[in-house]
């Protein structure tokens, strides 16, 4: 049996002008469901110190399967609501898995060669 590889996600969400406070309040509803989701190792909501319209929702998961299960949970309907309510200007959503140094170095060598 293989060992699950941890996975993470980061979503940078930019509020529409004048909507940052509302966006932050509504995004805060994701914190507890995220932290209580099966396989969640870390979950946070952060507010940019440089740009008051930018928020970051991030999570670290025990496996890609755990992260995917959370993505299919009712809690994530908030993103649809935020878009429909025109509170959000943009969302940059990325997922990641751990890359071991050997694999990363090998990919670098292939590119350099």
PDB file of N, CA and C in Angstrom:
ATOM      1  N   UNK A   1       0.846  -1.187   0.000  1.00  0.00           N
ATOM      2  CA  UNK A   1       0.000   0.000   0.000  1.00  0.00           C
ATOM      3  C   UNK A   1       0.885   1.242   0.000  1.00  0.00           C
ATOM      4  N   UNK A   2       0.555   2.201  -0.844  1.00  0.00           N
ATOM      5  CA  UNK A   2       1.383   3.402  -0.932  1.00  0.00           C
ATOM      6  C   UNK A   2       0.981   4.421   0.128  1.00  0.00           C
ATOM      7  N   UNK A   3       1.938   5.236   0.499  1.00  0.00           N
ATOM      8  CA  UNK A   3       1.713   6.293   1.478  1.00  0.00           C
ATOM      9  C   UNK A   3       1.095   7.492   0.775  1.00  0.00           C
ATOM     10  N   UNK A   4      -0.016   8.037   1.329  1.00  0.00           N
ATOM     11  CA  UNK A   4      -0.620   9.216   0.696  1.00  0.00           C
ATOM     12  C   UNK A   4       0.362  10.391   0.673  1.00  0.00           C
ATOM     13  N   UNK A   5       0.318  11.147  -0.415  1.00  0.00           N
ATOM     14  CA  UNK A   5       1.157  12.331  -0.562  1.00  0.00           C
ATOM     15  C   UNK A   5       0.337  13.546  -0.153  1.00  0.00           C
ATOM     16  N   UNK A   6       0.834  14.350   0.781  1.00  0.00           N
ATOM     17  CA  UNK A   6       0.089  15.549   1.179  1.00  0.00           C
ATOM     18  C   UNK A   6      -0.184  16.463  -0.010  1.00  0.00           C
ATOM     19  N   UNK A   7      -1.282  17.186   0.090  1.00  0.00           N
ATOM     20  CA  UNK A   7      -1.673  18.133  -0.956  1.00  0.00           C
ATOM     21  C   UNK A   7      -2.105  19.429  -0.284  1.00  0.00           C
ATOM     22  N   UNK A   8      -2.073  20.517  -1.038  1.00  0.00           N
ATOM     23  CA  UNK A   8      -2.493  21.807  -0.485  1.00  0.00           C
ATOM     24  C   UNK A   8      -3.197  22.627  -1.550  1.00  0.00           C
ATOM     25  N   UNK A   9      -3.890  23.627  -1.094  1.00  0.00           N
ATOM     26  CA  UNK A   9      -4.520  24.564  -2.012  1.00  0.00           C
ATOM     27  C   UNK A   9      -4.321  25.987  -1.498  1.00  0.00           C
ATOM     28  N   UNK A  10      -4.312  26.900  -2.438  1.00  0.00           N
ATOM     29  CA  UNK A  10      -4.254  28.328  -2.126  1.00  0.00           C
ATOM     30  C   UNK A  10      -5.216  29.030  -3.064  1.00  0.00           C
ATOM     31  N   UNK A  11      -6.061  29.866  -2.505  1.00  0.00           N
ATOM     32  CA  UNK A  11      -6.984  30.658  -3.316  1.00  0.00           C
ATOM     33  C   UNK A  11      -6.797  32.120  -2.940  1.00  0.00           C
ATOM     34  N   UNK A  12      -6.302  32.895  -3.904  1.00  0.00           N
ATOM     35  CA  UNK A  12      -6.189  34.340  -3.724  1.00  0.00           C
ATOM     36  C   UNK A  12      -7.470  34.948  -4.276  1.00  0.00           C
ATOM     37  N   UNK A  13      -8.198  35.648  -3.422  1.00  0.00           N
ATOM     38  CA  UNK A  13      -9.494  36.191  -3.798  1.00  0.00           C
ATOM     39  C   UNK A  13      -9.442  37.703  -3.663  1.00  0.00           C
ATOM     40  N   UNK A  14      -9.754  38.377  -4.755  1.00  0.00           N
ATOM     41  CA  UNK A  14      -9.755  39.846  -4.763  1.00  0.00           C
ATOM     42  C   UNK A  14     -11.192  40.325  -4.717  1.00  0.00           C
ATOM     43  N   UNK A  15     -11.481  41.175  -3.737  1.00  0.00           N
ATOM     44  CA  UNK A  15     -12.816  41.744  -3.580  1.00  0.00           C
ATOM     45  C   UNK A  15     -13.059  42.837  -4.609  1.00  0.00           C
ATOM     46  N   UNK A  16     -14.302  43.003  -4.962  1.00  0.00           N
ATOM     47  CA  UNK A  16     -14.681  44.178  -5.758  1.00  0.00           C
ATOM     48  C   UNK A  16     -14.506  45.403  -4.861  1.00  0.00           C
ATOM     49  N   UNK A  17     -14.308  46.536  -5.464  1.00  0.00           N
ATOM     50  CA  UNK A  17     -14.117  47.778  -4.720  1.00  0.00           C
ATOM     51  C   UNK A  17     -15.255  47.988  -3.722  1.00  0.00           C
ATOM     52  N   UNK A  18     -14.881  48.214  -2.463  1.00  0.00           N
ATOM     53  CA  UNK A  18     -15.857  48.463  -1.410  1.00  0.00           C
ATOM     54  C   UNK A  18     -16.456  47.219  -0.779  1.00  0.00           C
ATOM     55  N   UNK A  19     -16.028  46.025  -1.214  1.00  0.00           N
ATOM     56  CA  UNK A  19     -16.623  44.770  -0.718  1.00  0.00           C
ATOM     57  C   UNK A  19     -15.677  43.931   0.128  1.00  0.00           C
ATOM     58  N   UNK A  20     -14.489  44.439   0.454  1.00  0.00           N
ATOM     59  CA  UNK A  20     -13.497  43.620   1.141  1.00  0.00           C
ATOM     60  C   UNK A  20     -13.965  43.157   2.527  1.00  0.00           C
ATOM     61  N   UNK A  21     -14.586  44.031   3.278  1.00  0.00           N
ATOM     62  CA  UNK A  21     -15.045  43.656   4.622  1.00  0.00           C
ATOM     63  C   UNK A  21     -16.094  42.551   4.534  1.00  0.00           C
ATOM     64  N   UNK A  22     -17.030  42.697   3.605  1.00  0.00           N
ATOM     65  CA  UNK A  22     -18.058  41.664   3.419  1.00  0.00           C
ATOM     66  C   UNK A  22     -17.426  40.352   2.969  1.00  0.00           C
ATOM     67  N   UNK A  23     -16.469  40.434   2.045  1.00  0.00           N
ATOM     68  CA  UNK A  23     -15.795  39.236   1.565  1.00  0.00           C
ATOM     69  C   UNK A  23     -15.109  38.506   2.711  1.00  0.00           C
ATOM     70  N   UNK A  24     -14.365  39.234   3.526  1.00  0.00           N
ATOM     71  CA  UNK A  24     -13.677  38.613   4.658  1.00  0.00           C
ATOM     72  C   UNK A  24     -14.639  37.960   5.629  1.00  0.00           C
ATOM     73  N   UNK A  25     -15.737  38.624   5.911  1.00  0.00           N
ATOM     74  CA  UNK A  25     -16.728  38.071   6.840  1.00  0.00           C
ATOM     75  C   UNK A  25     -17.323  36.782   6.279  1.00  0.00           C
ATOM     76  N   UNK A  26     -17.616  36.781   5.009  1.00  0.00           N
ATOM     77  CA  UNK A  26     -18.226  35.592   4.408  1.00  0.00           C
ATOM     78  C   UNK A  26     -17.218  34.460   4.243  1.00  0.00           C
ATOM     79  N   UNK A  27     -15.982  34.781   3.912  1.00  0.00           N
ATOM     80  CA  UNK A  27     -14.952  33.746   3.802  1.00  0.00           C
ATOM     81  C   UNK A  27     -14.650  33.111   5.160  1.00  0.00           C
ATOM     82  N   UNK A  28     -14.817  33.871   6.224  1.00  0.00           N
ATOM     83  CA  UNK A  28     -14.530  33.328   7.558  1.00  0.00           C
ATOM     84  C   UNK A  28     -15.429  32.135   7.887  1.00  0.00           C
ATOM     85  N   UNK A  29     -16.554  32.007   7.181  1.00  0.00           N
ATOM     86  CA  UNK A  29     -17.435  30.854   7.412  1.00  0.00           C
ATOM     87  C   UNK A  29     -16.796  29.549   6.923  1.00  0.00           C
ATOM     88  N   UNK A  30     -15.701  29.629   6.186  1.00  0.00           N
ATOM     89  CA  UNK A  30     -15.007  28.433   5.696  1.00  0.00           C
ATOM     90  C   UNK A  30     -14.034  27.851   6.727  1.00  0.00           C
ATOM     91  N   UNK A  31     -13.627  28.656   7.696  1.00  0.00           N
ATOM     92  CA  UNK A  31     -12.545  28.246   8.594  1.00  0.00           C
ATOM     93  C   UNK A  31     -12.876  26.977   9.377  1.00  0.00           C
ATOM     94  N   UNK A  32     -13.936  26.984  10.156  1.00  0.00           N
ATOM     95  CA  UNK A  32     -14.236  25.813  10.991  1.00  0.00           C
ATOM     96  C   UNK A  32     -14.592  24.576  10.175  1.00  0.00           C
ATOM     97  N   UNK A  33     -15.455  24.672   9.148  1.00  0.00           N
ATOM     98  CA  UNK A  33     -15.711  23.466   8.348  1.00  0.00           C
ATOM     99  C   UNK A  33     -14.433  22.921   7.709  1.00  0.00           C
ATOM    100  N   UNK A  34     -13.546  23.802   7.282  1.00  0.00           N
ATOM    101  CA  UNK A  34     -12.287  23.349   6.703  1.00  0.00           C
ATOM    102  C   UNK A  34     -11.430  22.629   7.719  1.00  0.00           C
ATOM    103  N   UNK A  35     -11.291  23.213   8.879  1.00  0.00           N
ATOM    104  CA  UNK A  35     -10.448  22.612   9.926  1.00  0.00           C
ATOM    105  C   UNK A  35     -11.027  21.300  10.438  1.00  0.00           C
ATOM    106  N   UNK A  36     -12.351  21.142  10.366  1.00  0.00           N
ATOM    107  CA  UNK A  36     -12.989  19.922  10.857  1.00  0.00           C
ATOM    108  C   UNK A  36     -13.117  18.847   9.786  1.00  0.00           C
ATOM    109  N   UNK A  37     -12.795  19.182   8.536  1.00  0.00           N
ATOM    110  CA  UNK A  37     -12.911  18.214   7.442  1.00  0.00           C
ATOM    111  C   UNK A  37     -11.906  17.080   7.629  1.00  0.00           C
ATOM    112  N   UNK A  38     -12.336  15.891   7.262  1.00  0.00           N
ATOM    113  CA  UNK A  38     -11.465  14.730   7.376  1.00  0.00           C
ATOM    114  C   UNK A  38     -10.228  14.926   6.507  1.00  0.00           C
ATOM    115  N   UNK A  39      -9.052  14.701   7.089  1.00  0.00           N
ATOM    116  CA  UNK A  39      -7.798  14.818   6.365  1.00  0.00           C
ATOM    117  C   UNK A  39      -7.185  16.205   6.375  1.00  0.00           C
ATOM    118  N   UNK A  40      -7.861  17.185   7.006  1.00  0.00           N
ATOM    119  CA  UNK A  40      -7.307  18.534   7.067  1.00  0.00           C
ATOM    120  C   UNK A  40      -6.182  18.590   8.090  1.00  0.00           C
ATOM    121  N   UNK A  41      -5.036  19.057   7.665  1.00  0.00           N
ATOM    122  CA  UNK A  41      -3.897  19.228   8.561  1.00  0.00           C
ATOM    123  C   UNK A  41      -3.748  20.689   8.994  1.00  0.00           C
ATOM    124  N   UNK A  42      -4.170  21.602   8.124  1.00  0.00           N
ATOM    125  CA  UNK A  42      -4.094  23.037   8.422  1.00  0.00           C
ATOM    126  C   UNK A  42      -5.045  23.762   7.480  1.00  0.00           C
ATOM    127  N   UNK A  43      -5.715  24.786   7.994  1.00  0.00           N
ATOM    128  CA  UNK A  43      -6.645  25.572   7.171  1.00  0.00           C
ATOM    129  C   UNK A  43      -6.627  26.993   7.701  1.00  0.00           C
ATOM    130  N   UNK A  44      -6.514  27.978   6.806  1.00  0.00           N
ATOM    131  CA  UNK A  44      -6.467  29.353   7.295  1.00  0.00           C
ATOM    132  C   UNK A  44      -7.057  30.339   6.289  1.00  0.00           C
ATOM    133  N   UNK A  45      -7.460  31.469   6.830  1.00  0.00           N
ATOM    134  CA  UNK A  45      -7.905  32.622   6.065  1.00  0.00           C
ATOM    135  C   UNK A  45      -6.984  33.762   6.459  1.00  0.00           C
ATOM    136  N   UNK A  46      -6.389  34.422   5.460  1.00  0.00           N
ATOM    137  CA  UNK A  46      -5.479  35.531   5.723  1.00  0.00           C
ATOM    138  C   UNK A  46      -5.875  36.734   4.877  1.00  0.00           C
ATOM    139  N   UNK A  47      -5.557  37.909   5.395  1.00  0.00           N
ATOM    140  CA  UNK A  47      -5.858  39.172   4.724  1.00  0.00           C
ATOM    141  C   UNK A  47      -4.540  39.856   4.392  1.00  0.00           C
ATOM    142  N   UNK A  48      -4.397  40.308   3.165  1.00  0.00           N
ATOM    143  CA  UNK A  48      -3.153  40.939   2.731  1.00  0.00           C
ATOM    144  C   UNK A  48      -2.865  42.196   3.549  1.00  0.00           C
ATOM    145  N   UNK A  49      -1.612  42.369   3.911  1.00  0.00           N
ATOM    146  CA  UNK A  49      -1.179  43.581   4.611  1.00  0.00           C
ATOM    147  C   UNK A  49      -0.880  44.707   3.620  1.00  0.00           C
ATOM    148  N   UNK A  50      -0.750  44.368   2.336  1.00  0.00           N
ATOM    149  CA  UNK A  50      -0.378  45.345   1.314  1.00  0.00           C
ATOM    150  C   UNK A  50      -1.589  45.822   0.515  1.00  0.00           C
ATOM    151  N   UNK A  51      -2.484  44.890   0.197  1.00  0.00           N
ATOM    152  CA  UNK A  51      -3.654  45.206  -0.630  1.00  0.00           C
ATOM    153  C   UNK A  51      -4.915  44.827   0.144  1.00  0.00           C
ATOM    154  N   UNK A  52      -5.676  45.795   0.621  1.00  0.00           N
ATOM    155  CA  UNK A  52      -6.837  45.501   1.465  1.00  0.00           C
ATOM    156  C   UNK A  52      -7.945  44.735   0.756  1.00  0.00           C
ATOM    157  N   UNK A  53      -7.881  44.581  -0.552  1.00  0.00           N
ATOM    158  CA  UNK A  53      -8.907  43.837  -1.277  1.00  0.00           C
ATOM    159  C   UNK A  53      -8.554  42.362  -1.478  1.00  0.00           C
ATOM    160  N   UNK A  54      -7.359  41.935  -1.050  1.00  0.00           N
ATOM    161  CA  UNK A  54      -6.910  40.564  -1.301  1.00  0.00           C
ATOM    162  C   UNK A  54      -6.971  39.714  -0.034  1.00  0.00           C
ATOM    163  N   UNK A  55      -7.569  38.528  -0.208  1.00  0.00           N
ATOM    164  CA  UNK A  55      -7.700  37.532   0.848  1.00  0.00           C
ATOM    165  C   UNK A  55      -7.096  36.226   0.351  1.00  0.00           C
ATOM    166  N   UNK A  56      -6.594  35.419   1.276  1.00  0.00           N
ATOM    167  CA  UNK A  56      -6.012  34.123   0.946  1.00  0.00           C
ATOM    168  C   UNK A  56      -6.679  33.044   1.788  1.00  0.00           C
ATOM    169  N   UNK A  57      -7.222  32.040   1.117  1.00  0.00           N
ATOM    170  CA  UNK A  57      -7.748  30.849   1.784  1.00  0.00           C
ATOM    171  C   UNK A  57      -6.787  29.720   1.430  1.00  0.00           C
ATOM    172  N   UNK A  58      -6.212  29.072   2.447  1.00  0.00           N
ATOM    173  CA  UNK A  58      -5.258  27.995   2.167  1.00  0.00           C
ATOM    174  C   UNK A  58      -5.512  26.812   3.072  1.00  0.00           C
ATOM    175  N   UNK A  59      -5.163  25.648   2.558  1.00  0.00           N
ATOM    176  CA  UNK A  59      -5.337  24.429   3.330  1.00  0.00           C
ATOM    177  C   UNK A  59      -4.260  23.427   3.000  1.00  0.00           C
ATOM    178  N   UNK A  60      -3.913  22.633   3.985  1.00  0.00           N
ATOM    179  CA  UNK A  60      -2.967  21.531   3.829  1.00  0.00           C
ATOM    180  C   UNK A  60      -3.719  20.264   4.199  1.00  0.00           C
ATOM    181  N   UNK A  61      -3.637  19.270   3.324  1.00  0.00           N
ATOM    182  CA  UNK A  61      -4.432  18.054   3.449  1.00  0.00           C
ATOM    183  C   UNK A  61      -3.543  16.821   3.496  1.00  0.00           C
ATOM    184  N   UNK A  62      -4.005  15.777   4.164  1.00  0.00           N
ATOM    185  CA  UNK A  62      -3.226  14.545   4.290  1.00  0.00           C
ATOM    186  C   UNK A  62      -3.042  13.844   2.947  1.00  0.00           C
ATOM    187  N   UNK A  63      -3.960  14.105   1.995  1.00  0.00           N
ATOM    188  CA  UNK A  63      -3.865  13.486   0.684  1.00  0.00           C
ATOM    189  C   UNK A  63      -4.677  14.297  -0.328  1.00  0.00           C
ATOM    190  N   UNK A  64      -4.429  14.025  -1.588  1.00  0.00           N
ATOM    191  CA  UNK A  64      -5.204  14.676  -2.647  1.00  0.00           C
ATOM    192  C   UNK A  64      -6.679  14.272  -2.562  1.00  0.00           C
ATOM    193  N   UNK A  65      -6.935  13.031  -2.151  1.00  0.00           N
ATOM    194  CA  UNK A  65      -8.312  12.559  -2.014  1.00  0.00           C
ATOM    195  C   UNK A  65      -9.054  13.332  -0.927  1.00  0.00           C
ATOM    196  N   UNK A  66      -8.386  13.605   0.197  1.00  0.00           N
ATOM    197  CA  UNK A  66      -9.015  14.378   1.278  1.00  0.00           C
ATOM    198  C   UNK A  66      -9.322  15.796   0.815  1.00  0.00           C
ATOM    199  N   UNK A  67      -8.380  16.396   0.075  1.00  0.00           N
ATOM    200  CA  UNK A  67      -8.590  17.742  -0.438  1.00  0.00           C
ATOM    201  C   UNK A  67      -9.764  17.758  -1.423  1.00  0.00           C
ATOM    202  N   UNK A  68      -9.813  16.795  -2.312  1.00  0.00           N
ATOM    203  CA  UNK A  68     -10.902  16.716  -3.289  1.00  0.00           C
ATOM    204  C   UNK A  68     -12.253  16.525  -2.609  1.00  0.00           C
ATOM    205  N   UNK A  69     -12.285  15.719  -1.571  1.00  0.00           N
ATOM    206  CA  UNK A  69     -13.541  15.512  -0.838  1.00  0.00           C
ATOM    207  C   UNK A  69     -14.024  16.836  -0.246  1.00  0.00           C
ATOM    208  N   UNK A  70     -13.113  17.637   0.286  1.00  0.00           N
ATOM    209  CA  UNK A  70     -13.500  18.939   0.837  1.00  0.00           C
ATOM    210  C   UNK A  70     -14.021  19.854  -0.271  1.00  0.00           C
ATOM    211  N   UNK A  71     -13.380  19.817  -1.438  1.00  0.00           N
ATOM    212  CA  UNK A  71     -13.811  20.662  -2.554  1.00  0.00           C
ATOM    213  C   UNK A  71     -15.240  20.343  -2.987  1.00  0.00           C
ATOM    214  N   UNK A  72     -15.674  19.113  -2.745  1.00  0.00           N
ATOM    215  CA  UNK A  72     -17.028  18.704  -3.107  1.00  0.00           C
ATOM    216  C   UNK A  72     -18.025  18.894  -1.971  1.00  0.00           C
ATOM    217  N   UNK A  73     -17.599  19.516  -0.885  1.00  0.00           N
ATOM    218  CA  UNK A  73     -18.491  19.710   0.263  1.00  0.00           C
ATOM    219  C   UNK A  73     -19.379  20.931   0.067  1.00  0.00           C
ATOM    220  N   UNK A  74     -20.513  20.965   0.756  1.00  0.00           N
ATOM    221  CA  UNK A  74     -21.429  22.110   0.642  1.00  0.00           C
ATOM    222  C   UNK A  74     -20.794  23.439   1.062  1.00  0.00           C
ATOM    223  N   UNK A  75     -19.773  23.414   1.906  1.00  0.00           N
ATOM    224  CA  UNK A  75     -19.142  24.653   2.385  1.00  0.00           C
ATOM    225  C   UNK A  75     -18.598  25.486   1.224  1.00  0.00           C
ATOM    226  N   UNK A  76     -18.180  24.835   0.156  1.00  0.00           N
ATOM    227  CA  UNK A  76     -17.582  25.578  -0.955  1.00  0.00           C
ATOM    228  C   UNK A  76     -18.600  26.265  -1.864  1.00  0.00           C
ATOM    229  N   UNK A  77     -19.866  26.069  -1.603  1.00  0.00           N
ATOM    230  CA  UNK A  77     -20.903  26.793  -2.353  1.00  0.00           C
ATOM    231  C   UNK A  77     -20.756  28.300  -2.137  1.00  0.00           C
ATOM    232  N   UNK A  78     -20.032  28.689  -1.078  1.00  0.00           N
ATOM    233  CA  UNK A  78     -19.848  30.119  -0.811  1.00  0.00           C
ATOM    234  C   UNK A  78     -19.188  30.823  -1.997  1.00  0.00           C
ATOM    235  N   UNK A  79     -18.301  30.138  -2.722  1.00  0.00           N
ATOM    236  CA  UNK A  79     -17.643  30.777  -3.854  1.00  0.00           C
ATOM    237  C   UNK A  79     -18.648  31.117  -4.957  1.00  0.00           C
ATOM    238  N   UNK A  80     -19.589  30.219  -5.203  1.00  0.00           N
ATOM    239  CA  UNK A  80     -20.647  30.495  -6.173  1.00  0.00           C
ATOM    240  C   UNK A  80     -21.481  31.688  -5.718  1.00  0.00           C
ATOM    241  N   UNK A  81     -21.816  31.702  -4.433  1.00  0.00           N
ATOM    242  CA  UNK A  81     -22.612  32.807  -3.885  1.00  0.00           C
ATOM    243  C   UNK A  81     -21.874  34.135  -4.005  1.00  0.00           C
ATOM    244  N   UNK A  82     -20.585  34.139  -3.689  1.00  0.00           N
ATOM    245  CA  UNK A  82     -19.797  35.371  -3.770  1.00  0.00           C
ATOM    246  C   UNK A  82     -19.724  35.898  -5.195  1.00  0.00           C
ATOM    247  N   UNK A  83     -19.579  34.994  -6.145  1.00  0.00           N
ATOM    248  CA  UNK A  83     -19.546  35.410  -7.553  1.00  0.00           C
ATOM    249  C   UNK A  83     -20.913  35.931  -7.994  1.00  0.00           C
ATOM    250  N   UNK A  84     -21.972  35.199  -7.612  1.00  0.00           N
ATOM    251  CA  UNK A  84     -23.329  35.630  -7.983  1.00  0.00           C
ATOM    252  C   UNK A  84     -23.698  36.971  -7.357  1.00  0.00           C
ATOM    253  N   UNK A  85     -23.227  37.200  -6.130  1.00  0.00           N
ATOM    254  CA  UNK A  85     -23.533  38.450  -5.420  1.00  0.00           C
ATOM    255  C   UNK A  85     -22.595  39.586  -5.838  1.00  0.00           C
ATOM    256  N   UNK A  86     -21.677  39.283  -6.741  1.00  0.00           N
ATOM    257  CA  UNK A  86     -20.727  40.271  -7.278  1.00  0.00           C
ATOM    258  C   UNK A  86     -19.870  40.925  -6.191  1.00  0.00           C
ATOM    259  N   UNK A  87     -19.426  40.109  -5.226  1.00  0.00           N
ATOM    260  CA  UNK A  87     -18.544  40.565  -4.147  1.00  0.00           C
ATOM    261  C   UNK A  87     -17.080  40.393  -4.555  1.00  0.00           C
ATOM    262  N   UNK A  88     -16.830  39.465  -5.484  1.00  0.00           N
ATOM    263  CA  UNK A  88     -15.476  39.086  -5.876  1.00  0.00           C
ATOM    264  C   UNK A  88     -15.143  39.637  -7.257  1.00  0.00           C
ATOM    265  N   UNK A  89     -13.947  40.215  -7.373  1.00  0.00           N
ATOM    266  CA  UNK A  89     -13.449  40.657  -8.677  1.00  0.00           C
ATOM    267  C   UNK A  89     -12.722  39.517  -9.382  1.00  0.00           C
ATOM    268  N   UNK A  90     -11.895  38.762  -8.628  1.00  0.00           N
ATOM    269  CA  UNK A  90     -11.161  37.646  -9.243  1.00  0.00           C
ATOM    270  C   UNK A  90     -10.798  36.609  -8.197  1.00  0.00           C
ATOM    271  N   UNK A  91     -10.597  35.375  -8.684  1.00  0.00           N
ATOM    272  CA  UNK A  91     -10.141  34.263  -7.842  1.00  0.00           C
ATOM    273  C   UNK A  91      -9.017  33.565  -8.591  1.00  0.00           C
ATOM    274  N   UNK A  92      -7.882  33.406  -7.923  1.00  0.00           N
ATOM    275  CA  UNK A  92      -6.769  32.625  -8.465  1.00  0.00           C
ATOM    276  C   UNK A  92      -6.625  31.418  -7.554  1.00  0.00           C
ATOM    277  N   UNK A  93      -7.055  30.266  -8.036  1.00  0.00           N
ATOM    278  CA  UNK A  93      -7.103  29.053  -7.233  1.00  0.00           C
ATOM    279  C   UNK A  93      -6.075  28.065  -7.761  1.00  0.00           C
ATOM    280  N   UNK A  94      -5.196  27.580  -6.873  1.00  0.00           N
ATOM    281  CA  UNK A  94      -4.142  26.630  -7.252  1.00  0.00           C
ATOM    282  C   UNK A  94      -4.112  25.475  -6.261  1.00  0.00           C
ATOM    283  N   UNK A  95      -3.790  24.283  -6.759  1.00  0.00           N
ATOM    284  CA  UNK A  95      -3.569  23.128  -5.897  1.00  0.00           C
ATOM    285  C   UNK A  95      -2.138  22.648  -6.095  1.00  0.00           C
ATOM    286  N   UNK A  96      -1.603  22.014  -5.054  1.00  0.00           N
ATOM    287  CA  UNK A  96      -0.203  21.602  -5.065  1.00  0.00           C
ATOM    288  C   UNK A  96      -0.056  20.234  -4.404  1.00  0.00           C
ATOM    289  N   UNK A  97       0.983  19.494  -4.805  1.00  0.00           N
ATOM    290  CA  UNK A  97       1.406  18.293  -4.095  1.00  0.00           C
ATOM    291  C   UNK A  97       2.889  18.440  -3.813  1.00  0.00           C
ATOM    292  N   UNK A  98       3.357  17.707  -2.818  1.00  0.00           N
ATOM    293  CA  UNK A  98       4.769  17.775  -2.464  1.00  0.00           C
ATOM    294  C   UNK A  98       5.628  17.256  -3.612  1.00  0.00           C
ATOM    295  N   UNK A  99       6.724  17.930  -3.854  1.00  0.00           N
ATOM    296  CA  UNK A  99       7.702  17.496  -4.856  1.00  0.00           C
ATOM    297  C   UNK A  99       8.997  17.228  -4.115  1.00  0.00           C
ATOM    298  N   UNK A 100       9.473  16.004  -4.208  1.00  0.00           N
ATOM    299  CA  UNK A 100      10.725  15.709  -3.513  1.00  0.00           C
ATOM    300  C   UNK A 100      11.881  16.352  -4.274  1.00  0.00           C
ATOM    301  N   UNK A 101      12.946  16.644  -3.578  1.00  0.00           N
ATOM    302  CA  UNK A 101      14.097  17.331  -4.157  1.00  0.00           C
ATOM    303  C   UNK A 101      14.691  16.548  -5.323  1.00  0.00           C
ATOM    304  N   UNK A 102      14.719  15.230  -5.234  1.00  0.00           N
ATOM    305  CA  UNK A 102      15.305  14.410  -6.298  1.00  0.00           C
ATOM    306  C   UNK A 102      14.502  14.578  -7.587  1.00  0.00           C
ATOM    307  N   UNK A 103      13.164  14.524  -7.495  1.00  0.00           N
ATOM    308  CA  UNK A 103      12.336  14.685  -8.693  1.00  0.00           C
ATOM    309  C   UNK A 103      12.481  16.086  -9.269  1.00  0.00           C
ATOM    310  N   UNK A 104      12.469  17.095  -8.413  1.00  0.00           N
ATOM    311  CA  UNK A 104      12.595  18.471  -8.889  1.00  0.00           C
ATOM    312  C   UNK A 104      13.936  18.675  -9.581  1.00  0.00           C
ATOM    313  N   UNK A 105      15.011  18.141  -9.011  1.00  0.00           N
ATOM    314  CA  UNK A 105      16.331  18.272  -9.610  1.00  0.00           C
ATOM    315  C   UNK A 105      16.386  17.539 -10.949  1.00  0.00           C
ATOM    316  N   UNK A 106      15.779  16.355 -11.015  1.00  0.00           N
ATOM    317  CA  UNK A 106      15.744  15.586 -12.259  1.00  0.00           C
ATOM    318  C   UNK A 106      15.009  16.325 -13.361  1.00  0.00           C
ATOM    319  N   UNK A 107      13.890  16.985 -13.012  1.00  0.00           N
ATOM    320  CA  UNK A 107      13.158  17.773 -14.003  1.00  0.00           C
ATOM    321  C   UNK A 107      14.006  18.953 -14.459  1.00  0.00           C
ATOM    322  N   UNK A 108      14.756  19.560 -13.535  1.00  0.00           N
ATOM    323  CA  UNK A 108      15.642  20.665 -13.899  1.00  0.00           C
ATOM    324  C   UNK A 108      16.702  20.205 -14.883  1.00  0.00           C
ATOM    325  N   UNK A 109      17.283  19.035 -14.627  1.00  0.00           N
ATOM    326  CA  UNK A 109      18.317  18.510 -15.526  1.00  0.00           C
ATOM    327  C   UNK A 109      17.763  18.243 -16.912  1.00  0.00           C
ATOM    328  N   UNK A 110      16.535  17.755 -16.986  1.00  0.00           N
ATOM    329  CA  UNK A 110      15.917  17.520 -18.298  1.00  0.00           C
ATOM    330  C   UNK A 110      15.729  18.832 -19.051  1.00  0.00           C
ATOM    331  N   UNK A 111      15.328  19.868 -18.360  1.00  0.00           N
ATOM    332  CA  UNK A 111      15.148  21.172 -18.998  1.00  0.00           C
ATOM    333  C   UNK A 111      16.472  21.789 -19.415  1.00  0.00           C
ATOM    334  N   UNK A 112      17.513  21.599 -18.588  1.00  0.00           N
ATOM    335  CA  UNK A 112      18.812  22.208 -18.853  1.00  0.00           C
ATOM    336  C   UNK A 112      19.562  21.481 -19.981  1.00  0.00           C
ATOM    337  N   UNK A 113      19.213  20.192 -20.170  1.00  0.00           N
ATOM    338  CA  UNK A 113      19.958  19.383 -21.132  1.00  0.00           C
ATOM    339  C   UNK A 113      19.608  19.582 -22.549  1.00  0.00           C
TER     340      UNK A 113
END
